[in-house]
Amino acid sequence: MHEFVHVVDPEVWWSGPARGVASVGQLFAAQTPEVLAAMRVVYDRISRRYLGADGLLHLPGAAVLAIAVR
């Protein structure tokens, strides 16, 4: 297993769904302004724990590569 940290600007991470990208973005776009505002509050609250001193999100990740021969 390869562990890594994905570092990204929180606004960049938020911008995909906020602009309607992918199915989560379509779900996002279908909400009322009040729900959109509440979603942003929750995003900010949840992502805060991953904020580094540099103001960027430091998101832990892992990848596994498996090779098989038959």
N, C-alpha and C. Protein backbone atom coordinates (compact mmCIF):
# COMPACT_ATOMS: atom_id res chain seq x y z
N MET A 1 0.85 -1.17 0.00
CA MET A 1 0.00 0.00 0.00
C MET A 1 0.90 1.24 0.00
N HIS A 2 0.52 2.21 -0.79
CA HIS A 2 1.25 3.48 -0.86
C HIS A 2 0.36 4.56 -0.24
N GLU A 3 0.84 5.15 0.85
CA GLU A 3 0.09 6.23 1.49
C GLU A 3 0.64 7.56 1.02
N PHE A 4 -0.24 8.54 0.88
CA PHE A 4 0.17 9.86 0.41
C PHE A 4 -0.76 10.91 1.00
N VAL A 5 -0.39 12.16 0.81
CA VAL A 5 -1.23 13.28 1.22
C VAL A 5 -1.49 14.15 -0.01
N HIS A 6 -2.76 14.31 -0.35
CA HIS A 6 -3.16 15.17 -1.46
C HIS A 6 -3.34 16.58 -0.90
N VAL A 7 -2.59 17.53 -1.44
CA VAL A 7 -2.64 18.91 -0.96
C VAL A 7 -3.37 19.75 -2.00
N VAL A 8 -4.42 20.45 -1.57
CA VAL A 8 -5.25 21.21 -2.51
C VAL A 8 -5.87 22.41 -1.80
N ASP A 9 -6.08 23.46 -2.56
CA ASP A 9 -6.77 24.65 -2.07
C ASP A 9 -8.23 24.28 -1.78
N PRO A 10 -8.75 24.61 -0.61
CA PRO A 10 -10.14 24.25 -0.29
C PRO A 10 -11.15 24.83 -1.29
N GLU A 11 -10.86 25.98 -1.87
CA GLU A 11 -11.78 26.56 -2.86
C GLU A 11 -11.78 25.76 -4.15
N VAL A 12 -10.63 25.23 -4.53
CA VAL A 12 -10.55 24.39 -5.73
C VAL A 12 -11.34 23.11 -5.51
N TRP A 13 -11.18 22.53 -4.33
CA TRP A 13 -11.88 21.28 -4.00
C TRP A 13 -13.40 21.50 -4.01
N TRP A 14 -13.83 22.65 -3.53
CA TRP A 14 -15.26 22.99 -3.48
C TRP A 14 -15.80 23.33 -4.87
N SER A 15 -14.99 23.88 -5.74
CA SER A 15 -15.47 24.45 -7.00
C SER A 15 -16.06 23.42 -7.95
N GLY A 16 -15.60 22.18 -7.92
CA GLY A 16 -16.16 21.17 -8.83
C GLY A 16 -17.65 20.97 -8.62
N PRO A 17 -18.05 20.52 -7.44
CA PRO A 17 -19.48 20.36 -7.19
C PRO A 17 -20.25 21.68 -7.33
N ALA A 18 -19.65 22.77 -6.89
CA ALA A 18 -20.34 24.06 -6.95
C ALA A 18 -20.62 24.50 -8.39
N ARG A 19 -19.85 23.98 -9.34
CA ARG A 19 -20.06 24.31 -10.76
C ARG A 19 -20.81 23.21 -11.50
N GLY A 20 -21.32 22.23 -10.76
CA GLY A 20 -22.14 21.19 -11.38
C GLY A 20 -21.38 20.01 -11.94
N VAL A 21 -20.12 19.83 -11.54
CA VAL A 21 -19.30 18.74 -12.07
C VAL A 21 -19.71 17.41 -11.44
N ALA A 22 -19.89 16.42 -12.27
CA ALA A 22 -20.22 15.05 -11.89
C ALA A 22 -21.60 14.97 -11.22
N SER A 23 -21.93 13.79 -10.78
CA SER A 23 -23.28 13.59 -10.21
C SER A 23 -23.48 14.39 -8.93
N VAL A 24 -22.43 14.53 -8.10
CA VAL A 24 -22.58 15.32 -6.89
C VAL A 24 -22.84 16.78 -7.24
N GLY A 25 -22.24 17.25 -8.32
CA GLY A 25 -22.47 18.63 -8.76
C GLY A 25 -23.90 18.83 -9.26
N GLN A 26 -24.45 17.83 -9.90
CA GLN A 26 -25.84 17.92 -10.36
C GLN A 26 -26.80 17.95 -9.17
N LEU A 27 -26.49 17.14 -8.18
CA LEU A 27 -27.29 17.15 -6.95
C LEU A 27 -27.18 18.51 -6.27
N PHE A 28 -25.98 19.04 -6.21
CA PHE A 28 -25.73 20.35 -5.63
C PHE A 28 -26.54 21.43 -6.35
N ALA A 29 -26.50 21.40 -7.68
CA ALA A 29 -27.16 22.43 -8.49
C ALA A 29 -28.68 22.41 -8.33
N ALA A 30 -29.24 21.30 -7.89
CA ALA A 30 -30.69 21.18 -7.75
C ALA A 30 -31.21 21.71 -6.41
N GLN A 31 -30.33 22.21 -5.56
CA GLN A 31 -30.74 22.64 -4.23
C GLN A 31 -31.19 24.10 -4.20
N THR A 32 -31.92 24.44 -3.17
CA THR A 32 -32.34 25.83 -2.96
C THR A 32 -31.14 26.63 -2.44
N PRO A 33 -31.17 27.94 -2.55
CA PRO A 33 -30.08 28.76 -2.02
C PRO A 33 -29.82 28.50 -0.53
N GLU A 34 -30.86 28.26 0.23
CA GLU A 34 -30.69 27.99 1.66
C GLU A 34 -29.93 26.68 1.89
N VAL A 35 -30.27 25.66 1.13
CA VAL A 35 -29.58 24.37 1.27
C VAL A 35 -28.14 24.50 0.79
N LEU A 36 -27.90 25.23 -0.29
CA LEU A 36 -26.54 25.45 -0.77
C LEU A 36 -25.68 26.11 0.31
N ALA A 37 -26.23 27.11 0.97
CA ALA A 37 -25.50 27.79 2.03
C ALA A 37 -25.20 26.83 3.18
N ALA A 38 -26.17 26.00 3.53
CA ALA A 38 -25.97 25.03 4.61
C ALA A 38 -24.92 24.00 4.22
N MET A 39 -24.90 23.59 2.96
CA MET A 39 -23.90 22.63 2.48
C MET A 39 -22.50 23.23 2.60
N ARG A 40 -22.36 24.50 2.28
CA ARG A 40 -21.05 25.14 2.38
C ARG A 40 -20.59 25.22 3.83
N VAL A 41 -21.51 25.52 4.74
CA VAL A 41 -21.17 25.57 6.16
C VAL A 41 -20.64 24.21 6.62
N VAL A 42 -21.30 23.15 6.21
CA VAL A 42 -20.87 21.81 6.60
C VAL A 42 -19.52 21.47 5.96
N TYR A 43 -19.35 21.81 4.69
CA TYR A 43 -18.06 21.59 4.02
C TYR A 43 -16.93 22.28 4.79
N ASP A 44 -17.14 23.54 5.12
CA ASP A 44 -16.12 24.30 5.86
C ASP A 44 -15.82 23.65 7.21
N ARG A 45 -16.86 23.21 7.90
CA ARG A 45 -16.68 22.60 9.22
C ARG A 45 -15.92 21.28 9.11
N ILE A 46 -16.30 20.44 8.17
CA ILE A 46 -15.66 19.13 8.03
C ILE A 46 -14.23 19.27 7.52
N SER A 47 -14.02 20.15 6.56
CA SER A 47 -12.68 20.26 5.97
C SER A 47 -11.69 20.97 6.88
N ARG A 48 -12.17 21.71 7.85
CA ARG A 48 -11.29 22.46 8.75
C ARG A 48 -10.23 21.58 9.41
N ARG A 49 -10.60 20.35 9.73
CA ARG A 49 -9.64 19.46 10.40
C ARG A 49 -8.46 19.09 9.51
N TYR A 50 -8.60 19.28 8.18
CA TYR A 50 -7.53 18.95 7.25
C TYR A 50 -6.73 20.18 6.80
N LEU A 51 -7.10 21.35 7.31
CA LEU A 51 -6.40 22.57 6.92
C LEU A 51 -5.02 22.61 7.56
N GLY A 52 -4.02 22.89 6.73
CA GLY A 52 -2.67 23.06 7.23
C GLY A 52 -2.40 24.52 7.53
N ALA A 53 -1.26 24.79 8.10
CA ALA A 53 -0.86 26.17 8.39
C ALA A 53 -0.74 27.00 7.11
N ASP A 54 -0.57 26.32 5.98
CA ASP A 54 -0.46 26.99 4.69
C ASP A 54 -1.82 27.36 4.09
N GLY A 55 -2.92 27.01 4.79
CA GLY A 55 -4.26 27.32 4.30
C GLY A 55 -4.78 26.32 3.29
N LEU A 56 -4.03 25.26 3.03
CA LEU A 56 -4.44 24.23 2.08
C LEU A 56 -4.95 23.00 2.80
N LEU A 57 -5.80 22.26 2.12
CA LEU A 57 -6.26 20.98 2.67
C LEU A 57 -5.16 19.95 2.47
N HIS A 58 -4.91 19.15 3.49
CA HIS A 58 -3.96 18.05 3.43
C HIS A 58 -4.76 16.78 3.64
N LEU A 59 -5.17 16.16 2.53
CA LEU A 59 -6.09 15.03 2.58
C LEU A 59 -5.32 13.71 2.48
N PRO A 60 -5.43 12.86 3.49
CA PRO A 60 -4.71 11.59 3.45
C PRO A 60 -5.34 10.64 2.44
N GLY A 61 -4.50 9.87 1.80
CA GLY A 61 -5.00 8.90 0.83
C GLY A 61 -4.11 7.67 0.82
N ALA A 62 -4.56 6.65 0.15
CA ALA A 62 -3.79 5.42 0.01
C ALA A 62 -4.15 4.77 -1.32
N ALA A 63 -3.19 4.08 -1.89
CA ALA A 63 -3.41 3.36 -3.14
C ALA A 63 -2.81 1.97 -3.01
N VAL A 64 -3.49 1.03 -3.63
CA VAL A 64 -3.02 -0.35 -3.64
C VAL A 64 -2.95 -0.80 -5.10
N LEU A 65 -1.85 -1.40 -5.47
CA LEU A 65 -1.69 -1.94 -6.81
C LEU A 65 -1.55 -3.45 -6.67
N ALA A 66 -2.38 -4.16 -7.37
CA ALA A 66 -2.32 -5.62 -7.32
C ALA A 66 -2.10 -6.15 -8.73
N ILE A 67 -1.23 -7.11 -8.85
CA ILE A 67 -0.95 -7.73 -10.14
C ILE A 67 -1.14 -9.23 -9.96
N ALA A 68 -1.83 -9.84 -10.91
CA ALA A 68 -2.06 -11.27 -10.83
C ALA A 68 -1.71 -11.91 -12.17
N VAL A 69 -1.26 -13.09 -12.11
CA VAL A 69 -0.96 -13.87 -13.31
C VAL A 69 -1.72 -15.17 -13.20
N ARG A 70 -2.34 -15.54 -14.29
CA ARG A 70 -3.10 -16.78 -14.27
C ARG A 70 -2.39 -17.82 -15.07
